[in-house]
Each structure stands twice: as structure tokens, then as C-alpha cells.
Amino acid sequence: MTATKHYDVTVLGAGVGALAAAALLARRSWRVLVLGHGEKPASYSFDGLPLARRPFTLLAGASPALTRVLVELAQSQTFRRRVTSVDPMLQVLLPGRRIEMPPATELFAREVDREFPEVRRVVDELYDDLAATNAAADGAFEREATWPPGGFWEKREAARAIARLPHLEPDGRELLAEFPREHAYRTVVDVTARFSADCDGELPPFAVARLHGAWTRGLSRLAGGEDELTDFFVERIKAHGGEVLLGERAERLVVRSGRVSGVVIDGDEHPTGVQFVATDGPAATLLELAHPYEPSRRAITAMPIVRASSLRFVVTMLVRDDGLPAPLGYEAFVVPAPPGWDGAIHLQRSVPDGAPKGCSMLVAETLLSPDGLEETLETTRERVLRTLGAFLPFFERHLLVVDSPHDGLPLWDYRDGGHGGTRKLVDRALLRRTGGTMEAEPMRARYTIEPAGLYGLAGEMLRAPLGNAFVVGRSAMPALGQEGELLAAWSVARIITRTDRKKERMRREMWSKVELG
């Protein structure tokens, strides 16, 4: 079967890592094709009202991983003008307690004195420790290295970069050791890290420090959220000659002599020739597309076991501001049963374009187990509303619209009933014209990966068990969340670029002194 078109690199998916890798490679003169591969936009609408499939937090805004991408794309200043500071950076609502974290140190100290005076000294020591840990991590991730490392030289390179990082050794001091065992402030730290990571189970102390530090050392946001970041990368890919087809997906991969040689786009008769393929899904998704190709037994044995052990369930609500506390900020966590975080909710409040005057959009995300999922989905939307109602007493009386893309239930429309009105069920077929779907959409997974690598930070290797195929998504560095995706994106772009000495030389020559400064 002869290919009618050819690209150097085809990227499957539209996650942060996939688009960043595509933009970097397009900038380096590789001919890039991006297929959305089923990834839907973060937003949709009903009757002109905005709704969201998932919350989005720019947690990597202060990370050198994002800085390096922006510098190479020559977009540092442009991107800086797009973002605004979040104040307060986050709020955590516990039964009988509420703490917010403003950027100003003295204001945060007052918050701790008000809610947790008994551990004021320990909190101060914690954030001194986090500042030192994250400064060291910034220095490590600024270095030219591959994350996660694969071969001998890459492992040596990475080992040098992280040699002096604190909280990496498993027998080291626990990050929260000075706090009483059942103290609520442990939950404040833990819940922010849990929702930010893409791996399940116990997080390494360094990952907790890095993720909680991302929330507390100056948080930024994009007005358009995830869709704006997607548009930003798509614009860069196209500006450098790449092609982006977010509505298309790969039907299968063509494999010759153990290497990817083509991609059959769904609906096409002939394959599109490719030299490399990268996916933002697990490596197993590439092997499914490559069927009947089977890697060697040795390659299969070397693959870690990747299991979706929890799922992100999202409910979107449009609410009149009269039903919300005025101090409720942009980012909040609601924890109904500390010291654990079972039933916890990550809550975002915003006023997107199209929202009625005097109304806010709330996007609530909670974590579910895949076990018994069908039965759980029928009640989770109601449970989320009950949990929020316990912390926001008047909020249910002021609901306008409630929907979840994940449970397949009808949209709930309260507008005709006035304040505290009756619920009208709207068939999901009416959402299809405005970006919604009739059927329940898959939830984003958090993974359990065994064995984990690099002190528990790494998951799958970047190189899939298929020649010229790479993993660039959430399963590569799952313990570091969004920053892990960007580190993987940079690393895959680096590996591919090094296969062409001419392009590698061009890349080194195109860095301008102005941008480096």
C-alpha cells in the first residue's frame, strides 16, 4: 500500500505534552502532523451557556520545563502577556475550617495564625523546606537531560542533574514528619498534590513537595483555560509549517521491519507516511494500533504494568453569584472528611465568555475508582452537589444548569423554575450541535505503574516497544503531573532531533541572544 503523503513526525493526541512536542519539532524544521485522536476540547455549551469537560490549572507556569519550551518557540514575552496572577492562589475548605493562600507572605502568616496557630512554627519550616527543594529542582530541570532516562548515558546524565535533590531517597525524612499524625494541615498539602499528579497511590516526598510548591509559589492562569493553551500551541505548529487535524484520529499504524512507517487516518484509503510517531496515551495504545505487530517477549517483559486505578469525574454548574460566598476564589479544594481526602473535590470558579451577568461557572472534579463504575456514575453527580451544598449553604437554590460529560445522564436545567426551581431534564442529543455528546465520555485516568522508576517519579519509558514510536503523555512522568508532561515533551523532541545532525545543528544556531537573555 503506497503512502500518498509523508510527514516526519505524527503526534497522536492533543494534551499538553503532545502539543508542546509537536511545536518544538515544527520549530526545528521537522514536518509535523497532529491528530487529535479523540481528545475533545475542554469546553462545550448548551443553549449559548458555557460548560466545561474538565478544570485546567497552569501548574507548570513557574517551571523551567515550560520556560524552555517558550524560549525556543520565541514566545516568552507573548505568553507572559496572556497570563494573570491568581490571588488567592488556592483555598482549602475543611469542616469548620477554611484557609486560603495569598501570594503575600505576611497575609498567609495571618491565615495560619487564624486557623492553625498550634502548628505555626512547623508550617513556616515546611515552606522554607519547599522553597529550598523547588529551587534545587528548578536547577535540575533546567539542565539538558532526558526525562525519564532510558539508556546508560541518559541515566548518567539524569543522575548528575538530580544528585543533590532533597527528599528523593526512600529512607529520607518524611516531608510532613513534624506535623501530628492526624493533623488537618497534612490534608491541605496532600489534597493539592493528589489532584495534580497523574499517578495513584503513595506519592514520593519529592513529588509532593514539587506539586504543592507549584500551587503556592505564585500561581498564574490563562483567561481561556486549556482551550487557550491548545490554541497557542496549534498556532505555533502551523506557523512553522505543521498540520493540525484535531478532529481526526489514527485507525492503525503501518509497521515494517519492526518500525512505524505510516499512519492510516480514519476514513482514508491510503496510509500517510511517517518517520516517527508520538502519543500522549500509554504505550499499549500504540501497540493496539500496530496490530498484528507483536514486539519481542523481551520488550514486553521490560514494559511496566500500567493500570488506570482512579478516574477524574467532572461536574459543571452555572450558578448565580448570590448563592456563592464572595470570598470563594478561582481555585479551591473541598475536603468533607479530613485527615484523609476521600470524597474531596477540586473546585474552579470562573466567569467565562457567554456566562449570564451575575453568574459564575463552577467546575468540580472528584476521583473515582474504576471498580463498580457503572453503578457509581448514576449517583456521583448528586453526591458532588450534596458535598458542595454542605460547604456552600445557599448554592443549590441558585443553580441554573448542571451537567457532567461522564455519566451519560441528561443535563439538568433549573432556569424555568426561578430560585430553587424544579429540575428540567434535557436530552443529551441537544448538546451535539454545540460540542457535547449523546453518550458518556471517557474520564481521564490516573495511573498505577509498576515498577515505577527514577525514585518513583517516572512511569513508562519514552521509547515504546515499537521502532520510532514514543510516549509523550501523562504516563511518562506521572508523579510530576503537568510538569512531567512538558519534561517528556522536551525529551522526546530532543531524541528525535538528535537523529538528524543537520537539524540538531540548525537548532543550536537558531537560539538568539535576546531570547536566551
Protein backbone atom coordinates (compact mmCIF):
# COMPACT_ATOMS: atom_id res chain seq x y z
CA MET A 1 0.00 0.00 0.00
CA THR A 2 1.62 3.25 -1.15
CA ALA A 3 1.61 6.39 1.01
CA THR A 4 0.17 9.44 -0.72
CA LYS A 5 1.52 11.96 1.82
CA HIS A 6 4.52 11.98 4.11
CA TYR A 7 5.38 13.67 7.40
CA ASP A 8 8.50 13.42 9.51
CA VAL A 9 6.55 13.12 12.77
CA THR A 10 2.91 12.31 13.54
CA VAL A 11 1.66 13.16 17.03
CA LEU A 12 -1.45 11.39 18.33
CA GLY A 13 -3.39 13.39 20.92
CA ALA A 14 -3.87 16.99 21.95
CA GLY A 15 -2.63 17.01 25.53
CA VAL A 16 -0.08 19.50 26.84
CA GLY A 17 2.85 17.16 26.25
CA ALA A 18 1.77 16.13 22.76
CA LEU A 19 1.25 19.69 21.53
CA ALA A 20 4.44 21.00 23.15
CA ALA A 21 6.49 18.25 21.50
CA ALA A 22 4.83 18.94 18.14
CA ALA A 23 5.51 22.69 18.43
CA LEU A 24 9.17 22.12 19.31
CA LEU A 25 9.72 19.72 16.40
CA ALA A 26 7.94 22.02 13.95
CA ARG A 27 10.17 24.86 15.14
CA ARG A 28 13.18 22.62 14.46
CA SER A 29 12.12 22.17 10.81
CA TRP A 30 10.53 18.73 11.12
CA ARG A 31 7.34 18.30 9.10
CA VAL A 32 4.73 17.58 11.77
CA LEU A 33 1.17 16.25 11.65
CA VAL A 34 -1.01 16.36 14.78
CA LEU A 35 -4.13 14.18 15.03
CA GLY A 36 -6.45 14.93 17.96
CA HIS A 37 -7.10 11.19 18.23
CA GLY A 38 -10.36 11.57 20.13
CA GLU A 39 -9.22 14.33 22.52
CA LYS A 40 -12.17 16.72 22.85
CA PRO A 41 -11.95 20.46 23.58
CA ALA A 42 -12.08 21.43 27.23
CA SER A 43 -15.29 23.44 26.71
CA TYR A 44 -18.72 22.94 25.15
CA SER A 45 -22.05 24.73 25.53
CA PHE A 46 -25.80 24.38 25.89
CA ASP A 47 -28.30 26.99 24.71
CA GLY A 48 -25.49 29.55 24.49
CA LEU A 49 -24.29 28.80 28.04
CA PRO A 50 -20.64 27.76 28.54
CA LEU A 51 -19.81 24.38 30.11
CA ALA A 52 -16.51 22.58 30.73
CA ARG A 53 -15.33 18.99 30.40
CA ARG A 54 -12.55 19.42 32.94
CA PRO A 55 -10.81 22.04 35.07
CA PHE A 56 -7.44 23.36 33.98
CA THR A 57 -4.72 24.82 36.19
CA LEU A 58 -1.46 26.14 34.74
CA LEU A 59 0.63 24.41 37.40
CA ALA A 60 3.76 24.41 35.24
CA GLY A 61 3.66 28.20 34.84
CA ALA A 62 6.75 28.69 37.02
CA SER A 63 8.53 25.53 35.84
CA PRO A 64 11.74 25.65 33.80
CA ALA A 65 10.14 22.95 31.63
CA LEU A 66 7.60 25.45 30.27
CA THR A 67 10.15 28.28 30.21
CA ARG A 68 12.47 26.29 27.95
CA VAL A 69 9.64 25.47 25.54
CA LEU A 70 8.57 29.13 25.36
CA VAL A 71 12.15 30.33 24.92
CA GLU A 72 12.75 28.01 21.99
CA LEU A 73 9.43 29.00 20.41
CA ALA A 74 10.44 32.67 20.92
CA GLN A 75 7.15 33.25 22.74
CA SER A 76 8.23 34.09 26.31
CA GLN A 77 7.02 37.70 26.25
CA THR A 78 3.86 36.90 24.30
CA PHE A 79 2.90 34.16 26.72
CA ARG A 80 3.67 36.32 29.73
CA ARG A 81 1.15 38.89 28.50
CA ARG A 82 -1.52 36.18 28.28
CA VAL A 83 -1.31 35.03 31.90
CA THR A 84 -2.55 36.74 35.06
CA SER A 85 -1.75 36.04 38.70
CA VAL A 86 -4.23 34.10 40.83
CA ASP A 87 -4.94 35.70 44.21
CA PRO A 88 -5.52 33.83 46.45
CA MET A 89 -3.55 31.02 44.88
CA LEU A 90 -5.89 28.45 46.41
CA GLN A 91 -8.37 27.85 49.22
CA VAL A 92 -8.95 24.66 51.17
CA LEU A 93 -12.35 24.15 52.81
CA LEU A 94 -12.48 21.64 55.68
CA PRO A 95 -15.32 21.00 58.14
CA GLY A 96 -15.22 24.00 60.49
CA ARG A 97 -12.01 25.35 58.90
CA ARG A 98 -11.05 27.36 55.84
CA ILE A 99 -7.61 28.50 54.81
CA GLU A 100 -6.57 30.50 51.77
CA MET A 101 -3.10 31.05 50.44
CA PRO A 102 -2.50 34.57 49.13
CA PRO A 103 0.78 35.35 47.34
CA ALA A 104 1.78 37.86 50.04
CA THR A 105 3.77 36.06 52.77
CA GLU A 106 2.50 38.25 55.59
CA LEU A 107 -1.13 37.63 54.65
CA PHE A 108 -0.55 33.88 54.55
CA ALA A 109 1.05 34.07 58.00
CA ARG A 110 -2.14 35.69 59.30
CA GLU A 111 -4.19 32.87 57.77
CA VAL A 112 -2.08 30.25 59.55
CA ASP A 113 -2.33 32.16 62.84
CA ARG A 114 -6.11 32.27 62.44
CA GLU A 115 -6.76 28.64 61.53
CA PHE A 116 -3.71 26.62 62.60
CA PRO A 117 -1.88 28.57 65.36
CA GLU A 118 -0.80 25.32 67.04
CA VAL A 119 1.48 24.43 64.10
CA ARG A 120 2.61 27.90 63.02
CA ARG A 121 6.31 27.11 63.53
CA VAL A 122 6.02 23.79 61.70
CA VAL A 123 4.23 25.44 58.76
CA ASP A 124 6.99 28.06 58.49
CA GLU A 125 9.63 25.31 58.44
CA LEU A 126 7.66 23.37 55.84
CA TYR A 127 7.58 26.26 53.38
CA ASP A 128 11.26 27.04 53.96
CA ASP A 129 11.93 23.39 53.07
CA LEU A 130 9.66 23.61 49.99
CA ALA A 131 11.41 26.77 48.79
CA ALA A 132 14.84 25.07 49.01
CA THR A 133 13.56 21.87 47.39
CA ASN A 134 11.92 23.66 44.48
CA ALA A 135 14.91 25.93 43.87
CA ALA A 136 17.09 22.83 43.61
CA ALA A 137 14.54 21.13 41.35
CA ASP A 138 14.43 24.16 39.05
CA GLY A 139 18.19 23.92 38.66
CA ALA A 140 17.98 20.20 37.87
CA PHE A 141 15.20 20.50 35.30
CA GLU A 142 16.93 23.41 33.55
CA ARG A 143 19.76 21.08 32.58
CA GLU A 144 19.92 19.31 29.23
CA ALA A 145 18.73 15.83 30.12
CA THR A 146 16.15 13.21 29.15
CA TRP A 147 13.18 12.65 31.47
CA PRO A 148 12.68 9.81 32.17
CA PRO A 149 16.09 8.49 31.10
CA GLY A 150 16.38 5.32 29.06
CA GLY A 151 19.87 4.17 28.09
CA PHE A 152 23.13 4.25 30.04
CA TRP A 153 24.19 7.76 29.01
CA GLU A 154 20.75 9.22 29.63
CA LYS A 155 20.64 7.68 33.11
CA ARG A 156 24.08 9.04 33.86
CA GLU A 157 23.02 12.48 32.64
CA ALA A 158 19.84 12.47 34.76
CA ALA A 159 21.68 11.15 37.82
CA ARG A 160 24.06 14.11 37.66
CA ALA A 161 21.17 16.54 37.36
CA ILE A 162 19.29 15.24 40.40
CA ALA A 163 22.25 14.17 42.51
CA ARG A 164 21.66 16.79 45.21
CA LEU A 165 17.88 16.99 45.21
CA PRO A 166 16.32 16.60 48.67
CA HIS A 167 13.50 14.16 49.53
CA LEU A 168 14.42 11.69 46.80
CA GLU A 169 15.84 8.86 48.88
CA PRO A 170 13.12 6.49 50.18
CA ASP A 171 14.76 6.30 53.61
CA GLY A 172 14.88 10.09 53.96
CA ARG A 173 12.88 12.22 56.42
CA GLU A 174 9.16 12.40 55.71
CA LEU A 175 8.17 15.77 54.28
CA LEU A 176 5.40 16.27 56.87
CA ALA A 177 7.11 14.45 59.74
CA GLU A 178 6.84 17.40 62.15
CA PHE A 179 3.04 17.58 61.89
CA PRO A 180 0.91 15.49 64.28
CA ARG A 181 -0.20 12.26 62.60
CA GLU A 182 -3.88 13.22 62.20
CA HIS A 183 -3.44 16.96 61.80
CA ALA A 184 -5.65 18.68 59.22
CA TYR A 185 -2.74 20.59 57.65
CA ARG A 186 -1.43 17.29 56.30
CA THR A 187 -4.64 17.16 54.25
CA VAL A 188 -4.05 20.70 52.94
CA VAL A 189 -0.73 19.59 51.45
CA ASP A 190 -1.82 16.11 50.43
CA VAL A 191 -5.03 17.01 48.58
CA THR A 192 -3.30 19.57 46.35
CA ALA A 193 -0.62 17.05 45.39
CA ARG A 194 -3.07 14.18 44.80
CA PHE A 195 -5.25 16.08 42.34
CA SER A 196 -2.19 17.44 40.50
CA ALA A 197 -0.44 14.11 39.94
CA ASP A 198 -1.26 11.62 37.20
CA CYS A 199 -0.32 8.62 39.32
CA ASP A 200 -2.29 6.94 42.06
CA GLY A 201 -1.09 5.55 45.37
CA GLU A 202 1.53 6.98 47.70
CA LEU A 203 3.41 9.87 46.13
CA PRO A 204 7.18 10.23 46.68
CA PRO A 205 8.04 13.06 49.11
CA PHE A 206 9.83 14.97 46.35
CA ALA A 207 6.71 14.83 44.14
CA VAL A 208 4.55 16.13 47.00
CA ALA A 209 6.99 18.99 47.54
CA ARG A 210 7.10 19.81 43.84
CA LEU A 211 3.33 19.64 43.29
CA HIS A 212 2.28 21.53 46.43
CA GLY A 213 5.04 24.02 45.66
CA ALA A 214 3.53 24.60 42.21
CA TRP A 215 0.31 25.77 43.91
CA THR A 216 1.98 28.00 46.48
CA ARG A 217 4.90 29.80 44.86
CA GLY A 218 2.90 32.07 42.58
CA LEU A 219 0.06 30.64 40.53
CA SER A 220 -0.89 32.02 37.10
CA ARG A 221 -3.89 31.41 34.86
CA LEU A 222 -4.91 31.78 31.24
CA ALA A 223 -8.25 33.54 30.73
CA GLY A 224 -9.29 30.94 28.16
CA GLY A 225 -8.03 28.00 30.21
CA GLU A 226 -6.95 24.80 28.48
CA ASP A 227 -8.53 25.80 25.16
CA GLU A 228 -6.35 28.92 25.06
CA LEU A 229 -3.20 26.88 25.70
CA THR A 230 -4.24 24.44 22.96
CA ASP A 231 -4.81 27.32 20.53
CA PHE A 232 -1.42 28.77 21.46
CA PHE A 233 0.45 25.57 20.60
CA VAL A 234 -1.63 24.90 17.48
CA GLU A 235 -0.82 28.40 16.23
CA ARG A 236 2.91 27.76 16.75
CA ILE A 237 2.77 24.38 14.99
CA LYS A 238 1.03 25.88 11.96
CA ALA A 239 3.34 28.91 11.92
CA HIS A 240 6.28 26.54 11.42
CA GLY A 241 4.64 24.53 8.65
CA GLY A 242 2.96 21.79 10.66
CA GLU A 243 -0.56 20.50 10.06
CA VAL A 244 -3.12 20.08 12.85
CA LEU A 245 -6.24 17.92 12.50
CA LEU A 246 -7.73 17.83 15.98
CA GLY A 247 -10.94 16.19 14.76
CA GLU A 248 -9.15 13.22 13.16
CA ARG A 249 -7.78 10.03 14.64
CA ALA A 250 -5.44 7.23 13.58
CA GLU A 251 -7.18 4.00 12.61
CA ARG A 252 -3.98 1.95 12.61
CA LEU A 253 -0.21 2.13 12.25
CA VAL A 254 1.73 0.60 9.38
CA VAL A 255 4.79 -1.30 10.64
CA ARG A 256 7.68 -2.51 8.50
CA SER A 257 10.68 -4.36 9.89
CA GLY A 258 9.60 -3.51 13.43
CA ARG A 259 9.37 0.24 12.78
CA VAL A 260 6.47 2.60 12.16
CA SER A 261 6.36 3.63 8.52
CA GLY A 262 2.85 5.01 8.16
CA VAL A 263 -0.38 6.07 9.82
CA VAL A 264 -3.80 5.26 8.38
CA ILE A 265 -6.09 8.16 9.27
CA ASP A 266 -9.69 7.10 9.95
CA GLY A 267 -11.60 7.28 6.66
CA ASP A 268 -8.50 7.32 4.41
CA GLU A 269 -7.84 4.53 1.94
CA HIS A 270 -4.08 5.03 1.82
CA PRO A 271 -1.61 5.47 4.67
CA THR A 272 0.22 8.67 5.41
CA GLY A 273 3.94 8.02 5.51
CA VAL A 274 5.77 8.91 8.73
CA GLN A 275 9.25 8.59 10.14
CA PHE A 276 8.31 8.90 13.83
CA VAL A 277 5.10 8.63 15.89
CA ALA A 278 4.47 10.03 19.38
CA THR A 279 1.37 9.53 21.50
CA ASP A 280 0.06 11.18 24.66
CA GLY A 281 -1.55 7.87 25.68
CA PRO A 282 0.16 4.82 27.22
CA ALA A 283 2.45 2.69 25.05
CA ALA A 284 -0.20 -0.04 24.93
CA THR A 285 -2.39 2.22 22.78
CA LEU A 286 0.35 2.29 20.12
CA LEU A 287 0.62 -1.49 20.16
CA GLU A 288 -3.15 -1.78 19.70
CA LEU A 289 -2.93 0.47 16.63
CA ALA A 290 0.02 -1.53 15.30
CA HIS A 291 -1.81 -4.90 15.42
CA PRO A 292 -0.93 -7.55 14.21
CA TYR A 293 2.65 -6.45 15.01
CA GLU A 294 3.93 -8.06 18.20
CA PRO A 295 7.08 -6.85 19.96
CA SER A 296 9.60 -9.33 21.26
CA ARG A 297 8.99 -11.16 24.51
CA ARG A 298 11.95 -9.30 26.00
CA ALA A 299 10.41 -5.93 25.06
CA ILE A 300 7.04 -6.92 26.53
CA THR A 301 8.69 -8.10 29.75
CA ALA A 302 10.54 -4.77 30.07
CA MET A 303 7.30 -2.78 29.86
CA PRO A 304 5.90 -1.67 33.22
CA ILE A 305 2.34 -2.62 34.11
CA VAL A 306 0.10 0.43 33.58
CA ARG A 307 -3.30 0.34 35.23
CA ALA A 308 -5.96 3.07 35.39
CA SER A 309 -6.59 2.93 39.14
CA SER A 310 -8.65 6.12 39.50
CA LEU A 311 -10.64 8.35 37.17
CA ARG A 312 -11.39 12.08 37.12
CA PHE A 313 -15.16 12.72 37.21
CA VAL A 314 -16.26 16.29 36.41
CA VAL A 315 -19.49 18.19 37.05
CA THR A 316 -20.05 21.68 35.63
CA MET A 317 -22.52 24.14 37.16
CA LEU A 318 -23.68 27.61 36.25
CA VAL A 319 -24.66 29.37 39.48
CA ARG A 320 -25.92 32.83 40.34
CA ASP A 321 -23.32 34.72 42.35
CA ASP A 322 -25.98 35.40 45.00
CA GLY A 323 -25.64 31.76 46.03
CA LEU A 324 -21.85 31.79 46.37
CA PRO A 325 -19.69 33.26 49.15
CA ALA A 326 -18.00 36.40 47.86
CA PRO A 327 -14.55 35.23 49.10
CA LEU A 328 -14.72 31.98 47.08
CA GLY A 329 -11.74 32.26 44.76
CA TYR A 330 -10.70 30.81 41.43
CA GLU A 331 -9.10 27.64 42.88
CA ALA A 332 -10.42 25.70 45.87
CA PHE A 333 -10.38 22.23 47.38
CA VAL A 334 -13.33 20.91 49.36
CA VAL A 335 -12.49 18.10 51.78
CA PRO A 336 -15.53 16.64 53.58
CA ALA A 337 -13.71 14.11 55.77
CA PRO A 338 -10.16 15.01 56.83
CA PRO A 339 -7.48 13.91 57.69
CA GLY A 340 -7.92 11.78 54.55
CA TRP A 341 -9.08 13.08 51.20
CA ASP A 342 -11.83 10.59 50.28
CA GLY A 343 -14.66 12.38 48.52
CA ALA A 344 -12.54 15.52 48.09
CA ILE A 345 -13.37 17.93 45.28
CA HIS A 346 -11.17 20.26 43.25
CA LEU A 347 -13.37 23.27 42.52
CA GLN A 348 -12.74 26.05 40.00
CA ARG A 349 -14.80 29.21 39.84
CA SER A 350 -14.66 31.44 36.77
CA VAL A 351 -16.73 33.79 34.64
CA PRO A 352 -16.18 32.57 31.05
CA ASP A 353 -17.36 34.33 27.92
CA GLY A 354 -21.07 33.69 27.44
CA ALA A 355 -21.90 33.30 31.13
CA PRO A 356 -25.05 35.28 32.15
CA LYS A 357 -24.44 38.51 34.03
CA GLY A 358 -24.10 37.94 37.75
CA CYS A 359 -23.31 34.23 37.32
CA SER A 360 -20.22 32.05 37.71
CA MET A 361 -19.26 28.69 36.31
CA LEU A 362 -18.15 26.07 38.84
CA VAL A 363 -16.18 23.08 37.60
CA ALA A 364 -15.97 20.33 40.21
CA GLU A 365 -13.62 17.37 39.84
CA THR A 366 -13.59 14.30 42.08
CA LEU A 367 -11.75 10.98 41.88
CA LEU A 368 -13.50 7.65 41.33
CA SER A 369 -12.38 4.03 41.43
CA PRO A 370 -12.94 2.02 38.21
CA ASP A 371 -14.42 -0.80 40.31
CA GLY A 372 -18.22 -0.87 40.14
CA LEU A 373 -18.08 2.24 37.99
CA GLU A 374 -21.43 1.86 36.22
CA GLU A 375 -23.36 1.93 39.49
CA THR A 376 -21.20 4.73 40.91
CA LEU A 377 -21.77 7.00 37.92
CA GLU A 378 -25.51 7.08 38.50
CA THR A 379 -25.10 8.79 41.88
CA THR A 380 -21.83 10.74 41.68
CA ARG A 381 -23.35 13.92 40.25
CA GLU A 382 -25.80 14.07 43.17
CA ARG A 383 -23.04 13.32 45.67
CA VAL A 384 -20.87 16.15 44.37
CA LEU A 385 -23.79 18.59 44.72
CA ARG A 386 -24.50 17.40 48.28
CA THR A 387 -20.86 17.81 49.27
CA LEU A 388 -20.69 21.32 47.85
CA GLY A 389 -24.03 22.16 49.47
CA ALA A 390 -22.58 21.33 52.89
CA PHE A 391 -19.87 23.99 52.40
CA LEU A 392 -21.82 26.47 50.24
CA PRO A 393 -25.22 26.50 52.02
CA PHE A 394 -27.30 28.51 49.53
CA PHE A 395 -25.66 27.35 46.35
CA GLU A 396 -28.28 24.76 45.28
CA ARG A 397 -31.06 27.37 45.34
CA HIS A 398 -29.22 29.40 42.70
CA LEU A 399 -28.31 26.72 40.17
CA LEU A 400 -29.06 27.44 36.52
CA VAL A 401 -27.58 24.46 34.70
CA VAL A 402 -25.78 21.29 35.85
CA ASP A 403 -24.10 18.73 33.59
CA SER A 404 -21.41 16.08 33.52
CA PRO A 405 -19.93 14.71 30.30
CA HIS A 406 -19.04 11.44 32.05
CA ASP A 407 -22.25 9.88 33.40
CA GLY A 408 -24.46 9.91 30.29
CA LEU A 409 -27.33 11.44 32.30
CA PRO A 410 -29.48 14.28 30.91
CA LEU A 411 -28.42 17.86 31.51
CA TRP A 412 -30.26 19.47 34.45
CA ASP A 413 -31.85 22.83 33.63
CA TYR A 414 -33.25 24.86 36.55
CA ARG A 415 -33.83 28.15 34.72
CA ASP A 416 -37.62 27.93 34.28
CA GLY A 417 -38.27 27.39 37.98
CA GLY A 418 -36.64 30.56 39.30
CA HIS A 419 -34.73 30.50 42.58
CA GLY A 420 -34.66 26.94 43.91
CA GLY A 421 -36.81 25.90 40.93
CA THR A 422 -37.69 22.48 39.62
CA ARG A 423 -35.25 20.47 37.57
CA LYS A 424 -35.90 20.00 33.85
CA LEU A 425 -34.13 17.08 32.17
CA VAL A 426 -32.59 17.91 28.80
CA ASP A 427 -31.78 15.06 26.42
CA ARG A 428 -28.07 14.89 25.56
CA ALA A 429 -28.91 14.79 21.85
CA LEU A 430 -29.48 18.56 22.09
CA LEU A 431 -25.85 19.05 23.12
CA ARG A 432 -24.36 17.52 19.97
CA ARG A 433 -24.57 20.71 17.93
CA THR A 434 -22.58 22.68 20.49
CA GLY A 435 -19.71 20.30 21.23
CA GLY A 436 -21.38 17.88 23.64
CA THR A 437 -22.04 14.19 23.07
CA MET A 438 -25.01 11.85 23.47
CA GLU A 439 -23.06 9.11 25.19
CA ALA A 440 -20.92 9.24 28.32
CA GLU A 441 -17.38 10.41 27.54
CA PRO A 442 -14.31 8.62 28.93
CA MET A 443 -12.77 10.10 32.05
CA ARG A 444 -9.09 10.98 32.28
CA ALA A 445 -7.20 8.29 34.17
CA ARG A 446 -4.68 8.43 36.96
CA TYR A 447 -2.27 5.52 36.70
CA THR A 448 -0.68 2.94 38.92
CA ILE A 449 2.60 1.98 37.22
CA GLU A 450 4.66 -0.96 38.41
CA PRO A 451 7.54 -0.79 38.68
CA ALA A 452 7.97 2.98 38.84
CA GLY A 453 11.39 4.42 38.02
CA LEU A 454 13.56 7.38 38.96
CA TYR A 455 12.75 7.34 42.69
CA GLY A 456 9.06 6.79 41.98
CA LEU A 457 8.74 9.83 39.68
CA ALA A 458 8.81 8.04 36.31
CA GLY A 459 6.41 5.62 34.70
CA GLU A 460 6.72 4.36 31.14
CA MET A 461 9.85 4.79 29.09
CA LEU A 462 9.72 7.41 26.34
CA ARG A 463 10.65 4.83 23.71
CA ALA A 464 7.72 2.50 23.07
CA PRO A 465 8.38 -1.22 22.26
CA LEU A 466 7.92 -0.32 18.60
CA GLY A 467 10.63 1.22 16.46
CA ASN A 468 10.47 5.03 16.05
CA ALA A 469 7.49 5.34 18.38
CA PHE A 470 7.42 7.42 21.58
CA VAL A 471 5.29 8.12 24.64
CA VAL A 472 4.93 11.81 25.45
CA GLY A 473 1.88 11.96 27.72
CA ARG A 474 0.80 11.61 31.34
CA SER A 475 2.16 8.08 31.79
CA ALA A 476 5.83 9.08 31.28
CA MET A 477 6.44 11.20 34.42
CA PRO A 478 3.08 10.80 36.19
CA ALA A 479 4.23 11.81 39.69
CA LEU A 480 5.05 15.33 38.44
CA GLY A 481 1.72 15.95 36.68
CA GLN A 482 1.70 18.75 34.10
CA GLU A 483 5.39 19.48 34.56
CA GLY A 484 6.10 15.81 33.87
CA GLU A 485 4.28 16.07 30.52
CA LEU A 486 6.42 19.05 29.50
CA LEU A 487 9.64 17.32 30.58
CA ALA A 488 8.65 14.30 28.47
CA ALA A 489 7.76 16.55 25.53
CA TRP A 490 11.14 18.27 25.62
CA SER A 491 12.90 14.91 25.94
CA VAL A 492 11.12 13.26 23.01
CA ALA A 493 11.78 16.31 20.83
CA ARG A 494 15.44 16.07 21.84
CA ILE A 495 15.69 12.36 21.00
CA ILE A 496 14.08 12.80 17.58
CA THR A 497 16.14 15.89 16.74
CA ARG A 498 19.37 14.05 17.52
CA THR A 499 18.62 11.53 14.76
CA ASP A 500 19.29 14.27 12.19
CA ARG A 501 22.61 16.04 12.68
CA LYS A 502 21.70 18.81 10.27
CA LYS A 503 18.52 19.70 12.18
CA GLU A 504 20.34 19.43 15.50
CA ARG A 505 22.94 21.91 14.23
CA MET A 506 20.19 24.23 12.96
CA ARG A 507 18.51 24.07 16.35
CA ARG A 508 21.67 25.16 18.14
CA GLU A 509 22.21 28.03 15.72
CA MET A 510 18.68 29.44 15.92
CA TRP A 511 18.82 30.39 19.62
CA SER A 512 19.02 34.17 19.77
CA LYS A 513 20.92 36.07 22.45
CA VAL A 514 17.83 38.19 23.12
CA GLU A 515 15.63 35.16 23.85
CA LEU A 516 18.31 33.44 25.93
CA GLY A 517 18.64 36.62 27.98
